[in-house]
N, C-alpha and C. Protein backbone atom coordinates (compact mmCIF):
# COMPACT_ATOMS: atom_id res chain seq x y z
N MET A 1 26.02 -112.84 29.38
CA MET A 1 25.59 -111.73 30.36
C MET A 1 25.60 -113.33 31.54
N THR A 2 26.81 -113.29 32.36
CA THR A 2 27.00 -114.00 33.41
C THR A 2 25.72 -113.53 34.43
N PRO A 3 25.81 -115.36 35.45
CA PRO A 3 24.27 -115.05 36.41
C PRO A 3 24.71 -113.87 37.16
N SER A 4 26.24 -113.55 37.71
CA SER A 4 26.03 -112.13 38.72
C SER A 4 25.57 -111.24 38.15
N ALA A 5 25.97 -111.14 37.10
CA ALA A 5 25.94 -109.95 36.13
C ALA A 5 24.14 -109.54 36.65
N ARG A 6 23.47 -110.58 35.35
CA ARG A 6 21.83 -110.86 35.68
C ARG A 6 21.53 -110.19 36.88
N LYS A 7 21.93 -110.89 38.44
CA LYS A 7 21.86 -110.96 39.31
C LYS A 7 21.85 -109.36 39.93
N THR A 8 22.82 -108.57 39.35
CA THR A 8 22.93 -107.00 39.74
C THR A 8 21.74 -106.24 39.00
N LYS A 9 21.93 -106.51 37.83
CA LYS A 9 21.01 -105.82 36.87
C LYS A 9 19.75 -105.81 37.70
N GLY A 10 19.32 -107.04 38.46
CA GLY A 10 17.94 -107.47 38.88
C GLY A 10 17.80 -106.29 40.06
N LYS A 11 18.83 -106.19 41.15
CA LYS A 11 19.02 -105.74 41.80
C LYS A 11 19.07 -104.06 41.89
N ARG A 12 19.44 -103.52 40.88
CA ARG A 12 19.45 -101.73 40.30
C ARG A 12 18.00 -102.35 40.01
N LEU A 13 17.46 -102.47 39.41
CA LEU A 13 16.02 -102.40 39.16
C LEU A 13 15.05 -101.93 39.85
N GLU A 14 15.37 -103.08 41.36
CA GLU A 14 14.74 -103.19 42.84
C GLU A 14 14.71 -102.08 43.17
N ASP A 15 15.97 -101.47 43.10
CA ASP A 15 16.20 -100.17 43.98
C ASP A 15 15.30 -99.42 43.68
N ARG A 16 15.70 -98.84 42.27
CA ARG A 16 14.99 -98.00 41.43
C ARG A 16 13.83 -97.40 41.14
N ILE A 17 13.19 -99.15 41.65
CA ILE A 17 11.03 -98.67 41.74
C ILE A 17 11.02 -98.82 43.36
N SER A 18 11.69 -99.33 43.97
CA SER A 18 11.66 -98.98 45.65
C SER A 18 11.79 -97.23 45.52
N ASP A 19 12.55 -96.38 45.51
CA ASP A 19 12.73 -94.99 45.14
C ASP A 19 11.59 -94.37 44.44
N LYS A 20 11.54 -94.79 43.25
CA LYS A 20 10.19 -94.57 43.01
C LYS A 20 9.57 -94.72 43.61
N ILE A 21 8.87 -95.30 44.22
CA ILE A 21 7.61 -95.92 45.08
C ILE A 21 7.90 -94.85 46.40
N HIS A 22 9.23 -94.74 46.46
CA HIS A 22 8.57 -93.88 47.87
C HIS A 22 8.85 -92.46 47.41
N ASP A 23 9.35 -91.72 46.65
CA ASP A 23 9.40 -90.60 45.66
C ASP A 23 7.66 -90.26 45.38
N LYS A 24 6.97 -91.20 45.10
CA LYS A 24 5.80 -91.04 44.48
C LYS A 24 4.89 -90.21 45.74
N LEU A 25 5.01 -91.34 46.73
CA LEU A 25 4.53 -91.34 47.99
C LEU A 25 4.63 -90.29 48.83
N MET A 26 6.03 -89.91 48.59
CA MET A 26 6.37 -88.67 49.51
C MET A 26 5.62 -87.51 49.21
N SER A 27 5.55 -87.45 47.71
CA SER A 27 5.47 -86.00 47.03
C SER A 27 3.89 -85.74 47.65
N ASP A 28 3.10 -87.59 46.58
CA ASP A 28 1.70 -86.98 46.46
C ASP A 28 0.99 -88.05 47.70
N VAL A 29 1.56 -88.63 48.46
CA VAL A 29 0.46 -88.86 49.65
C VAL A 29 0.45 -88.63 51.22
N PRO A 30 -0.02 -87.26 51.76
CA PRO A 30 0.25 -86.54 53.16
C PRO A 30 0.03 -87.68 53.86
N SER A 31 -0.58 -89.20 54.05
CA SER A 31 -0.34 -89.68 54.77
C SER A 31 0.61 -90.65 54.65
N TYR A 32 1.83 -90.91 54.18
CA TYR A 32 2.29 -91.45 53.86
C TYR A 32 4.04 -90.76 54.44
N LYS A 33 3.74 -89.61 54.19
CA LYS A 33 5.09 -88.42 54.37
C LYS A 33 5.16 -88.15 56.05
N ALA A 34 3.58 -88.28 56.61
CA ALA A 34 3.62 -87.93 57.83
C ALA A 34 4.20 -89.11 58.58
N LEU A 35 3.59 -90.08 58.27
CA LEU A 35 3.83 -91.53 58.96
C LEU A 35 5.31 -91.50 58.44
N TYR A 36 5.65 -91.40 57.49
CA TYR A 36 7.60 -91.49 57.42
C TYR A 36 8.34 -90.23 57.66
N GLU A 37 7.90 -89.10 58.44
CA GLU A 37 8.44 -88.31 58.63
C GLU A 37 8.39 -88.20 60.42
N GLN A 38 7.29 -88.47 60.81
CA GLN A 38 7.47 -88.66 62.64
C GLN A 38 8.25 -90.13 62.69
N PHE A 39 8.76 -91.38 62.00
CA PHE A 39 9.49 -92.60 62.80
C PHE A 39 10.78 -91.76 62.19
N ASN A 40 10.92 -91.29 61.28
CA ASN A 40 12.59 -90.72 60.55
C ASN A 40 13.36 -91.86 60.42
N ASP A 41 13.01 -93.08 60.18
CA ASP A 41 14.04 -94.18 59.91
C ASP A 41 14.21 -94.74 58.60
N PRO A 42 15.10 -94.51 57.54
CA PRO A 42 15.29 -94.85 56.35
C PRO A 42 14.44 -96.59 56.08
N LYS A 43 14.70 -97.02 57.15
CA LYS A 43 14.35 -98.53 57.19
C LYS A 43 12.56 -98.95 56.51
N LEU A 44 12.29 -98.09 56.98
CA LEU A 44 10.77 -98.39 57.04
C LEU A 44 10.37 -97.89 55.65
N ARG A 45 10.95 -97.67 54.38
CA ARG A 45 10.72 -97.04 53.26
C ARG A 45 10.38 -98.19 52.69
N PRO A 46 9.78 -98.46 51.46
CA PRO A 46 10.21 -98.72 49.97
C PRO A 46 11.51 -99.23 49.90
N ARG A 47 12.38 -100.63 50.25
CA ARG A 47 13.32 -101.25 49.53
C ARG A 47 13.83 -102.39 48.71
N ARG A 48 14.46 -102.91 48.64
CA ARG A 48 14.46 -104.20 47.70
C ARG A 48 14.76 -105.35 49.34
N ASP A 49 13.47 -106.16 48.69
CA ASP A 49 13.78 -106.97 50.22
C ASP A 49 15.23 -107.94 49.84
N ALA A 50 15.88 -108.32 51.39
CA ALA A 50 17.21 -108.29 51.32
C ALA A 50 16.84 -110.37 50.91
N SER A 51 15.94 -110.68 50.78
CA SER A 51 15.77 -112.35 50.58
C SER A 51 15.54 -112.48 49.07
N SER A 52 14.93 -111.27 48.49
CA SER A 52 14.87 -111.13 47.19
C SER A 52 13.22 -111.68 46.97
N GLY A 53 12.58 -111.49 48.02
CA GLY A 53 11.08 -111.91 47.40
C GLY A 53 11.03 -113.50 47.85
N ALA A 54 11.51 -114.66 48.52
CA ALA A 54 11.68 -115.80 48.28
C ALA A 54 11.41 -116.31 49.99
N SER A 55 11.39 -115.63 50.71
CA SER A 55 10.76 -115.61 51.90
C SER A 55 8.86 -115.98 52.12
N ASN A 56 8.91 -116.57 52.63
CA ASN A 56 7.13 -116.17 53.19
C ASN A 56 6.37 -114.83 53.78
N ASP A 57 7.28 -114.30 54.47
CA ASP A 57 7.23 -113.32 55.21
C ASP A 57 7.37 -111.40 54.06
N SER A 58 7.51 -112.33 53.18
CA SER A 58 8.14 -111.16 52.14
C SER A 58 7.19 -110.64 50.96
N ASP A 59 7.18 -109.37 50.79
CA ASP A 59 5.85 -108.64 50.06
C ASP A 59 6.35 -108.63 48.72
N GLY A 60 7.43 -109.26 48.11
CA GLY A 60 7.88 -109.34 47.16
C GLY A 60 9.26 -109.07 46.67
N ASP A 61 9.68 -108.61 45.80
CA ASP A 61 10.86 -108.12 45.36
C ASP A 61 11.19 -106.90 46.36
N ILE A 62 9.98 -106.33 46.47
CA ILE A 62 10.37 -104.78 47.21
C ILE A 62 9.28 -105.18 48.50
N ASN A 63 10.77 -104.82 49.76
CA ASN A 63 9.55 -104.69 50.90
C ASN A 63 9.31 -103.18 51.26
N LEU A 64 8.00 -103.38 51.05
CA LEU A 64 7.34 -102.06 51.40
C LEU A 64 7.31 -100.98 52.48
N GLY A 65 7.56 -101.64 53.84
CA GLY A 65 7.72 -100.82 54.61
C GLY A 65 6.16 -100.66 55.45
N ILE A 66 6.53 -99.21 55.50
CA ILE A 66 5.37 -98.79 56.04
C ILE A 66 4.34 -98.12 54.46
N ALA A 67 4.83 -98.21 53.47
CA ALA A 67 4.28 -97.84 52.19
C ALA A 67 2.94 -99.12 52.11
N SER A 68 3.23 -99.87 52.92
CA SER A 68 2.38 -101.15 52.97
C SER A 68 0.81 -100.40 53.22
N LYS A 69 0.69 -99.80 53.90
CA LYS A 69 -0.73 -98.85 54.96
C LYS A 69 -1.04 -98.02 53.57
N VAL A 70 0.11 -97.66 52.53
CA VAL A 70 -1.38 -96.60 51.25
C VAL A 70 -1.10 -97.45 49.83
N PHE A 71 -0.56 -98.36 50.14
CA PHE A 71 0.05 -98.83 48.70
C PHE A 71 -0.19 -100.27 48.63
N PRO A 72 -1.30 -100.47 47.87
CA PRO A 72 -1.92 -101.90 48.37
C PRO A 72 -1.24 -102.83 47.36
N PHE A 73 0.03 -102.92 46.90
CA PHE A 73 0.03 -103.60 46.05
C PHE A 73 1.73 -104.31 46.35
N SER A 74 1.93 -105.58 45.98
CA SER A 74 2.91 -106.20 46.27
C SER A 74 3.92 -106.32 44.64
N VAL A 75 5.44 -105.88 44.89
CA VAL A 75 5.97 -105.66 43.41
C VAL A 75 7.03 -106.86 43.15
N GLU A 76 7.14 -107.28 41.62
CA GLU A 76 7.80 -108.21 41.26
C GLU A 76 8.96 -107.90 40.63
N CYS A 77 9.71 -107.52 40.44
CA CYS A 77 10.62 -107.09 40.02
C CYS A 77 11.18 -107.84 38.70
N LYS A 78 11.38 -107.82 37.06
CA LYS A 78 12.07 -108.77 36.41
C LYS A 78 12.73 -107.63 35.44
N ASP A 79 13.90 -108.09 35.29
CA ASP A 79 14.63 -107.06 34.39
C ASP A 79 14.83 -108.28 33.37
N TRP A 80 14.40 -107.85 31.98
CA TRP A 80 14.14 -109.30 31.01
C TRP A 80 15.14 -108.13 29.27
N ALA A 81 16.62 -108.63 29.60
CA ALA A 81 17.12 -108.22 28.47
C ALA A 81 17.05 -108.55 27.44
N SER A 82 16.13 -110.18 27.46
CA SER A 82 15.67 -110.75 26.53
C SER A 82 14.48 -110.28 25.61
N LEU A 83 13.46 -109.60 26.10
CA LEU A 83 11.83 -109.29 26.02
C LEU A 83 12.25 -108.36 24.98
N ASP A 84 11.83 -108.89 24.09
CA ASP A 84 11.88 -107.89 22.63
C ASP A 84 9.71 -107.56 22.57
N LEU A 85 9.75 -106.02 23.38
CA LEU A 85 8.21 -105.71 23.28
C LEU A 85 7.16 -105.42 22.13
N ASN A 86 7.32 -106.42 21.24
CA ASN A 86 6.40 -106.03 20.74
C ASN A 86 5.18 -106.83 20.90
N LEU A 87 4.17 -106.31 20.17
CA LEU A 87 2.93 -107.35 20.51
C LEU A 87 2.82 -108.65 20.39
N ASN A 88 3.36 -108.68 18.98
CA ASN A 88 3.37 -110.50 18.82
C ASN A 88 3.84 -111.41 19.53
N GLN A 89 5.13 -111.10 20.13
CA GLN A 89 5.70 -111.80 21.30
C GLN A 89 4.79 -111.41 22.56
N LEU A 90 4.39 -110.73 23.11
CA LEU A 90 3.62 -110.69 23.53
C LEU A 90 2.80 -111.54 24.02
N ILE A 91 1.67 -111.45 23.18
CA ILE A 91 0.99 -112.19 22.70
C ILE A 91 0.80 -114.12 22.31
N SER A 92 1.67 -114.02 22.34
CA SER A 92 2.34 -115.70 21.97
C SER A 92 3.17 -116.20 23.02
N GLY A 93 3.60 -115.27 24.08
CA GLY A 93 4.57 -116.02 25.09
C GLY A 93 4.75 -115.75 26.06
N LYS A 94 5.70 -114.14 25.92
CA LYS A 94 6.20 -113.65 27.31
C LYS A 94 4.97 -113.24 27.64
N ILE A 95 3.52 -113.07 27.70
CA ILE A 95 2.57 -112.74 28.46
C ILE A 95 1.89 -114.17 29.27
N LYS A 96 2.69 -114.78 28.64
CA LYS A 96 2.35 -116.08 29.52
C LYS A 96 3.46 -116.64 30.73
N SER A 97 4.37 -115.89 30.59
CA SER A 97 5.55 -115.97 31.63
C SER A 97 4.74 -114.78 32.58
N LEU A 98 4.75 -114.05 32.54
CA LEU A 98 3.75 -112.66 33.30
C LEU A 98 3.10 -113.52 33.85
N GLU A 99 1.69 -113.96 33.61
CA GLU A 99 0.51 -114.91 34.15
C GLU A 99 1.39 -115.61 35.37
N ARG A 100 2.14 -116.67 34.59
CA ARG A 100 2.61 -117.51 35.52
C ARG A 100 3.44 -116.48 36.97
N ILE A 101 4.27 -115.63 36.80
CA ILE A 101 4.59 -115.27 38.00
C ILE A 101 3.66 -114.61 38.71
N MET A 102 2.35 -113.73 38.32
CA MET A 102 1.29 -113.49 39.09
C MET A 102 0.67 -114.40 39.71
N GLU A 103 0.36 -115.99 39.02
CA GLU A 103 -0.15 -116.65 39.79
C GLU A 103 0.82 -117.17 41.08
N GLU A 104 1.96 -117.61 40.44
CA GLU A 104 2.72 -118.02 42.18
C GLU A 104 2.49 -116.28 43.17
N GLN A 105 2.89 -115.61 42.99
CA GLN A 105 2.52 -114.72 43.94
C GLN A 105 1.30 -114.32 44.80
N VAL A 106 0.23 -114.55 43.25
CA VAL A 106 -1.66 -115.05 44.83
C VAL A 106 -0.78 -115.82 45.72
N ALA A 107 -0.48 -117.43 45.07
CA ALA A 107 -0.90 -118.39 45.80
C ALA A 107 0.26 -118.39 46.78
N ILE A 108 1.29 -117.85 46.69
CA ILE A 108 2.10 -117.83 47.45
C ILE A 108 2.12 -117.38 48.77
N LYS A 109 2.17 -116.18 48.64
CA LYS A 109 1.54 -115.14 50.04
C LYS A 109 1.08 -113.97 49.79
N ILE A 110 0.49 -113.42 48.98
CA ILE A 110 -0.16 -111.99 48.73
C ILE A 110 -1.51 -112.29 49.28
N ALA A 111 -1.77 -113.39 48.65
CA ALA A 111 -3.41 -112.99 49.08
C ALA A 111 -3.60 -113.29 50.94
N THR A 112 -2.80 -113.75 51.85
CA THR A 112 -2.78 -113.52 52.56
C THR A 112 -2.98 -111.65 53.50
N LYS A 113 -1.86 -111.13 52.81
CA LYS A 113 -1.73 -109.93 53.35
C LYS A 113 -3.07 -108.62 52.52
N ASN A 114 -3.19 -109.40 52.10
CA ASN A 114 -4.78 -108.42 51.17
C ASN A 114 -3.82 -107.53 50.02
N LEU A 115 -2.66 -108.06 49.03
CA LEU A 115 -1.86 -107.28 48.45
C LEU A 115 -2.39 -107.80 47.43
N LYS A 116 -2.41 -106.63 46.25
CA LYS A 116 -2.48 -107.23 44.67
C LYS A 116 -1.12 -106.84 44.13
N PRO A 117 -0.72 -108.19 43.52
CA PRO A 117 0.62 -108.33 42.67
C PRO A 117 1.05 -107.86 41.54
N ILE A 118 1.63 -107.25 41.36
CA ILE A 118 2.30 -106.46 39.72
C ILE A 118 3.58 -106.90 39.61
N ILE A 119 4.07 -106.86 38.62
CA ILE A 119 5.20 -107.64 38.14
C ILE A 119 5.61 -106.18 37.37
N VAL A 120 6.64 -105.42 37.46
CA VAL A 120 7.19 -104.40 36.96
C VAL A 120 8.42 -105.16 36.39
N PHE A 121 8.78 -104.38 34.88
CA PHE A 121 9.94 -105.19 34.21
C PHE A 121 9.93 -104.12 33.08
N LYS A 122 11.20 -104.46 33.17
CA LYS A 122 12.11 -103.32 31.97
C LYS A 122 12.72 -104.34 31.04
N ALA A 123 12.04 -104.73 29.50
CA ALA A 123 12.90 -104.81 28.69
C ALA A 123 13.88 -104.39 27.82
N LEU A 124 15.18 -104.52 26.87
CA LEU A 124 16.05 -104.31 26.46
C LEU A 124 15.63 -102.61 26.09
N ARG A 125 16.45 -101.92 26.56
CA ARG A 125 16.52 -100.05 26.32
C ARG A 125 15.27 -100.14 26.39
N THR A 126 14.17 -100.25 27.33
CA THR A 126 13.32 -99.77 27.33
C THR A 126 12.58 -98.69 28.83
N ILE A 127 11.68 -98.35 28.78
CA ILE A 127 11.19 -97.96 30.61
C ILE A 127 10.77 -98.87 31.05
N ASP A 128 10.64 -98.60 32.17
CA ASP A 128 9.62 -99.85 32.84
C ASP A 128 8.51 -99.68 32.70
N PHE A 129 8.27 -101.10 32.59
CA PHE A 129 6.66 -101.15 32.43
C PHE A 129 6.05 -101.90 33.48
N VAL A 130 4.54 -102.18 34.04
CA VAL A 130 3.95 -102.71 34.53
C VAL A 130 2.68 -103.76 34.27
N CYS A 131 2.71 -104.66 34.88
CA CYS A 131 1.87 -105.87 34.57
C CYS A 131 0.78 -105.99 35.44
N TYR A 132 -0.56 -105.78 35.67
CA TYR A 132 -1.00 -106.01 36.73
C TYR A 132 -2.53 -106.33 36.75
N LYS A 133 -3.48 -107.19 36.94
CA LYS A 133 -4.49 -107.79 36.40
C LYS A 133 -5.56 -106.66 35.95
N SER A 134 -6.84 -106.48 35.27
CA SER A 134 -7.04 -105.40 34.96
C SER A 134 -8.32 -104.94 36.07
N ASP A 135 -9.04 -106.47 36.69
CA ASP A 135 -9.78 -105.67 38.14
C ASP A 135 -9.07 -105.17 38.65
N TYR A 136 -7.71 -104.88 39.10
CA TYR A 136 -7.22 -104.28 40.50
C TYR A 136 -7.65 -102.87 40.91
N MET A 137 -7.42 -102.10 39.80
CA MET A 137 -8.19 -100.20 39.95
C MET A 137 -9.26 -99.77 39.21
N PRO A 138 -9.98 -99.05 39.81
CA PRO A 138 -11.61 -99.04 39.22
C PRO A 138 -11.63 -97.92 38.22
N PHE A 139 -10.38 -97.43 37.30
CA PHE A 139 -9.83 -96.39 36.82
C PHE A 139 -8.98 -97.03 35.90
N GLN A 140 -8.99 -96.48 34.78
CA GLN A 140 -7.99 -96.86 33.77
C GLN A 140 -6.80 -96.06 33.30
N ILE A 141 -5.75 -96.75 33.09
CA ILE A 141 -4.77 -96.07 32.66
C ILE A 141 -4.77 -94.95 31.17
N GLU A 142 -4.87 -94.32 31.48
CA GLU A 142 -4.79 -92.68 30.65
C GLU A 142 -4.00 -92.79 29.31
N GLY A 143 -2.66 -93.09 29.14
CA GLY A 143 -1.48 -93.12 27.82
C GLY A 143 -1.63 -94.00 27.12
N ASN A 144 -0.97 -94.63 26.69
CA ASN A 144 -0.49 -95.80 26.04
C ASN A 144 -0.66 -97.13 26.62
N TYR A 145 -1.00 -98.38 26.63
CA TYR A 145 -1.13 -99.13 27.06
C TYR A 145 -2.45 -100.56 26.47
N CYS A 146 -1.56 -102.17 26.96
CA CYS A 146 -1.86 -103.04 26.30
C CYS A 146 -2.69 -103.54 26.79
N LYS A 147 -4.27 -103.97 26.88
CA LYS A 147 -4.67 -105.36 27.08
C LYS A 147 -4.24 -106.32 26.62
N VAL A 148 -3.91 -107.94 27.33
CA VAL A 148 -3.85 -109.13 27.14
C VAL A 148 -4.73 -109.76 27.81
N ASN A 149 -5.86 -110.28 27.42
CA ASN A 149 -6.44 -111.47 28.19
C ASN A 149 -7.49 -110.27 29.10
N ASP A 150 -6.57 -111.18 31.17
CA ASP A 150 -7.22 -110.14 31.96
C ASP A 150 -5.91 -109.09 32.09
N PHE A 151 -5.13 -108.75 31.64
CA PHE A 151 -3.77 -107.96 32.36
C PHE A 151 -3.50 -106.77 31.44
N ILE A 152 -3.30 -105.83 31.57
CA ILE A 152 -2.45 -104.61 31.34
C ILE A 152 -1.42 -104.18 31.63
N ILE A 153 -0.82 -103.82 30.57
CA ILE A 153 0.74 -103.51 30.33
C ILE A 153 0.52 -102.47 29.76
N ALA A 154 1.80 -101.07 30.77
CA ALA A 154 1.53 -100.04 30.60
C ALA A 154 3.04 -99.37 31.32
N SER A 155 2.81 -98.20 31.45
CA SER A 155 3.89 -97.51 32.13
C SER A 155 3.81 -97.53 33.27
N PHE A 156 5.18 -97.71 33.70
CA PHE A 156 5.10 -98.03 35.71
C PHE A 156 5.13 -96.16 36.09
N ASP A 157 5.48 -95.67 35.59
CA ASP A 157 5.58 -93.69 36.23
C ASP A 157 3.73 -93.47 36.04
N GLU A 158 3.44 -94.23 34.76
CA GLU A 158 1.50 -93.85 34.55
C GLU A 158 1.20 -94.55 35.86
N PHE A 159 0.91 -95.83 35.98
CA PHE A 159 0.86 -96.47 37.01
C PHE A 159 0.95 -96.07 38.45
N LEU A 160 1.99 -95.42 39.37
CA LEU A 160 2.51 -94.95 39.93
C LEU A 160 1.55 -93.36 40.29
N ASP A 161 1.32 -92.75 39.32
CA ASP A 161 0.60 -91.15 38.45
C ASP A 161 -0.77 -91.95 39.64
N ILE A 162 -1.40 -92.68 38.34
CA ILE A 162 -2.46 -93.06 38.64
C ILE A 162 -3.03 -93.66 39.70
N SER A 163 -2.33 -94.62 40.48
CA SER A 163 -2.96 -95.62 41.77
C SER A 163 -2.82 -94.85 42.90
N THR A 164 -1.83 -93.73 42.72
CA THR A 164 -1.64 -92.89 44.07
C THR A 164 -2.72 -91.47 44.12
N ARG A 165 -3.21 -91.25 42.73
CA ARG A 165 -4.26 -90.07 42.83
C ARG A 165 -5.27 -90.06 44.18
N ASN A 166 -6.00 -90.70 44.24
CA ASN A 166 -6.30 -90.70 45.59
C ASN A 166 -6.54 -91.49 46.89
N LEU A 167 -5.38 -91.87 46.95
CA LEU A 167 -4.79 -91.88 48.45
C LEU A 167 -4.58 -90.58 48.95
N LYS A 168 -4.70 -91.34 50.48
CA LYS A 168 -4.67 -89.82 51.37
C LYS A 168 -3.99 -89.92 52.48
């Protein structure tokens, strides 16, 4: 796959994830819906960051807009076509890549904005997954998940359901 095709796949993932965040907040978080409808400006909704998270002002690959008022996570997206999602590979090496990315996000820009970094990733022919530190949420994922060291890997849709459940 050419570098431009990989970049395009990554942008599609970022667009899809930002749409999922916006749609979930609009349907489940009244304060977000009211704030968004008050301004009625599409530029204020979560969207792919034009800098792809490269600038120091960025919240990650997804510019949260007004969602950062209620959604306390910085979102880094990775489309890993080469990732074979089996437990042995996660434990032996790929989780180390996730750990490194998380540490970079915390060190570079997230700690000052009080946002908790999460990585949303998609492997070859899989659903969207999320990786986050286990101490980020006081509640546990209810469905299938994998815990490796201090990290939880779970379905991104279930993560959104649980993380928005108690938001107002």
